[in-house]
C-alpha atoms as a PDB file:
ATOM      1  CA  MET A   1     118.158 172.012 180.876  1.00  0.00           C
ATOM      2  CA  ASP A   2     114.816 171.773 178.915  1.00  0.00           C
ATOM      3  CA  SER A   3     113.958 173.411 175.640  1.00  0.00           C
ATOM      4  CA  LYS A   4     110.875 173.936 174.512  1.00  0.00           C
ATOM      5  CA  LEU A   5     110.035 172.447 171.237  1.00  0.00           C
ATOM      6  CA  THR A   6     106.809 172.937 169.153  1.00  0.00           C
ATOM      7  CA  LEU A   7     105.806 169.764 166.698  1.00  0.00           C
ATOM      8  CA  SER A   8     103.058 168.952 164.401  1.00  0.00           C
ATOM      9  CA  PHE A   9     101.288 165.552 164.681  1.00  0.00           C
ATOM     10  CA  ASN A  10      97.949 164.255 162.994  1.00  0.00           C
ATOM     11  CA  GLN A  11      94.936 164.564 166.024  1.00  0.00           C
ATOM     12  CA  ASP A  12      94.294 160.784 166.387  1.00  0.00           C
ATOM     13  CA  VAL A  13      98.100 160.659 166.934  1.00  0.00           C
ATOM     14  CA  VAL A  14      97.890 163.026 169.800  1.00  0.00           C
ATOM     15  CA  ALA A  15      94.846 161.695 171.555  1.00  0.00           C
ATOM     16  CA  LYS A  16      96.314 158.181 171.541  1.00  0.00           C
ATOM     17  CA  ALA A  17      99.593 158.946 172.356  1.00  0.00           C
ATOM     18  CA  LYS A  18      98.161 161.147 176.014  1.00  0.00           C
ATOM     19  CA  LYS A  19      96.184 158.364 176.384  1.00  0.00           C
ATOM     20  CA  TYR A  20      99.086 156.159 176.582  1.00  0.00           C
ATOM     21  CA  ALA A  21     100.780 158.319 178.671  1.00  0.00           C
ATOM     22  CA  ALA A  22      98.518 159.199 181.480  1.00  0.00           C
ATOM     23  CA  GLU A  23      97.767 155.346 181.514  1.00  0.00           C
ATOM     24  CA  ASN A  24     101.810 155.045 182.314  1.00  0.00           C
ATOM     25  CA  ASN A  25     101.754 157.689 184.700  1.00  0.00           C
ATOM     26  CA  ILE A  26     104.131 159.999 182.747  1.00  0.00           C
ATOM     27  CA  SER A  27     103.727 163.561 180.649  1.00  0.00           C
ATOM     28  CA  LEU A  28     103.286 163.444 177.096  1.00  0.00           C
ATOM     29  CA  SER A  29     106.673 165.702 177.103  1.00  0.00           C
ATOM     30  CA  ARG A  30     108.282 163.318 178.787  1.00  0.00           C
ATOM     31  CA  LEU A  31     107.281 160.396 176.696  1.00  0.00           C
ATOM     32  CA  ILE A  32     108.559 162.049 173.170  1.00  0.00           C
ATOM     33  CA  GLU A  33     111.515 162.809 174.818  1.00  0.00           C
ATOM     34  CA  HIS A  34     112.528 159.250 176.079  1.00  0.00           C
ATOM     35  CA  LEU A  35     111.171 158.387 172.337  1.00  0.00           C
ATOM     36  CA  LEU A  36     114.067 160.309 171.142  1.00  0.00           C
ATOM     37  CA  ILE A  37     116.171 159.240 173.182  1.00  0.00           C
ATOM     38  CA  GLN A  38     115.785 156.238 171.666  1.00  0.00           C
ATOM     39  CA  VAL A  39     115.972 156.863 168.198  1.00  0.00           C
ATOM     40  CA  THR A  40     119.306 158.475 168.804  1.00  0.00           C
ATOM     41  CA  SER A  41     120.698 156.421 171.159  1.00  0.00           C
ATOM     42  CA  SER A  42     122.525 154.331 168.651  1.00  0.00           C
ATOM     43  CA  ASP A  43     123.294 155.236 165.116  1.00  0.00           C
ATOM     44  CA  TYR A  44     119.998 153.666 163.165  1.00  0.00           C
ATOM     45  CA  LYS A  45     120.230 154.007 159.299  1.00  0.00           C
ATOM     46  CA  SER A  46     116.983 154.292 158.868  1.00  0.00           C
ATOM     47  CA  LEU A  47     113.793 153.805 161.087  1.00  0.00           C
ATOM     48  CA  ASP A  48     113.267 150.643 159.490  1.00  0.00           C
ATOM     49  CA  ASP A  49     116.141 149.351 161.273  1.00  0.00           C
ATOM     50  CA  TYR A  50     114.994 150.867 164.618  1.00  0.00           C
ATOM     51  CA  PRO A  51     113.049 148.411 167.143  1.00  0.00           C
ATOM     52  CA  ILE A  52     110.434 151.013 168.071  1.00  0.00           C
ATOM     53  CA  SER A  53     107.591 149.640 170.052  1.00  0.00           C
ATOM     54  CA  ASP A  54     104.464 147.682 169.061  1.00  0.00           C
ATOM     55  CA  TRP A  55     102.295 150.806 169.695  1.00  0.00           C
ATOM     56  CA  VAL A  56     104.687 153.533 168.021  1.00  0.00           C
ATOM     57  CA  SER A  57     103.607 151.158 164.580  1.00  0.00           C
ATOM     58  CA  MET A  58      99.967 150.681 165.701  1.00  0.00           C
ATOM     59  CA  VAL A  59      99.769 154.566 166.030  1.00  0.00           C
ATOM     60  CA  ALA A  60     102.019 155.590 162.860  1.00  0.00           C
ATOM     61  CA  GLU A  61     100.466 152.859 160.473  1.00  0.00           C
ATOM     62  CA  GLY A  62      96.379 152.008 161.638  1.00  0.00           C
ATOM     63  CA  GLU A  63      94.054 151.298 164.527  1.00  0.00           C
ATOM     64  CA  VAL A  64      95.215 150.896 167.501  1.00  0.00           C
ATOM     65  CA  GLU A  65      94.868 148.042 170.137  1.00  0.00           C
ATOM     66  CA  TYR A  66      95.462 148.197 173.481  1.00  0.00           C
ATOM     67  CA  LYS A  67      96.655 145.224 175.539  1.00  0.00           C
ATOM     68  CA  LYS A  68      95.622 144.952 179.426  1.00  0.00           C
ATOM     69  CA  THR A  69      98.634 144.209 181.256  1.00  0.00           C
ATOM     70  CA  PRO A  70      98.815 145.110 185.099  1.00  0.00           C
ATOM     71  CA  LYS A  71      99.448 149.012 185.381  1.00  0.00           C
ATOM     72  CA  PRO A  72     103.074 149.752 186.753  1.00  0.00           C
ATOM     73  CA  SER A  73     103.357 151.618 190.210  1.00  0.00           C
ATOM     74  CA  ARG A  74     104.109 155.386 189.610  1.00  0.00           C
ATOM     75  CA  LYS A  75     107.443 154.730 191.326  1.00  0.00           C
ATOM     76  CA  ALA A  76     108.123 152.075 189.099  1.00  0.00           C
ATOM     77  CA  SER A  77     107.208 153.822 186.052  1.00  0.00           C
ATOM     78  CA  LYS A  78     109.734 156.674 187.389  1.00  0.00           C
ATOM     79  CA  ASP A  79     112.670 154.477 188.032  1.00  0.00           C
ATOM     80  CA  GLU A  80     112.420 152.517 184.409  1.00  0.00           C
ATOM     81  CA  PHE A  81     112.751 156.203 183.138  1.00  0.00           C
ATOM     82  CA  PHE A  82     115.236 157.808 184.949  1.00  0.00           C
ATOM     83  CA  SER A  83     117.216 154.698 184.549  1.00  0.00           C
ATOM     84  CA  SER A  84     116.804 155.116 181.030  1.00  0.00           C
ATOM     85  CA  LYS A  85     118.749 158.085 180.978  1.00  0.00           C
ATOM     86  CA  LYS A  86     121.785 156.535 182.532  1.00  0.00           C
END
């Protein structure tokens, strides 16, 4: 069951995250949910121990540089997301 949650983020981070989510055919809510699942799926002692994606580190620490890679199909993105929930 989904629950609503109110979060506050820096406007620049939100804009970049929305752009990333749109480019990857996923809603911002599902993107955040996916990241939270990843963070809570193991017993990390700190965020420094967590193998966080490069783009998240760049968004959090400074200027973002998007790398051009072939865009996966919408179906492939959905399949990847749902397989991560198993």
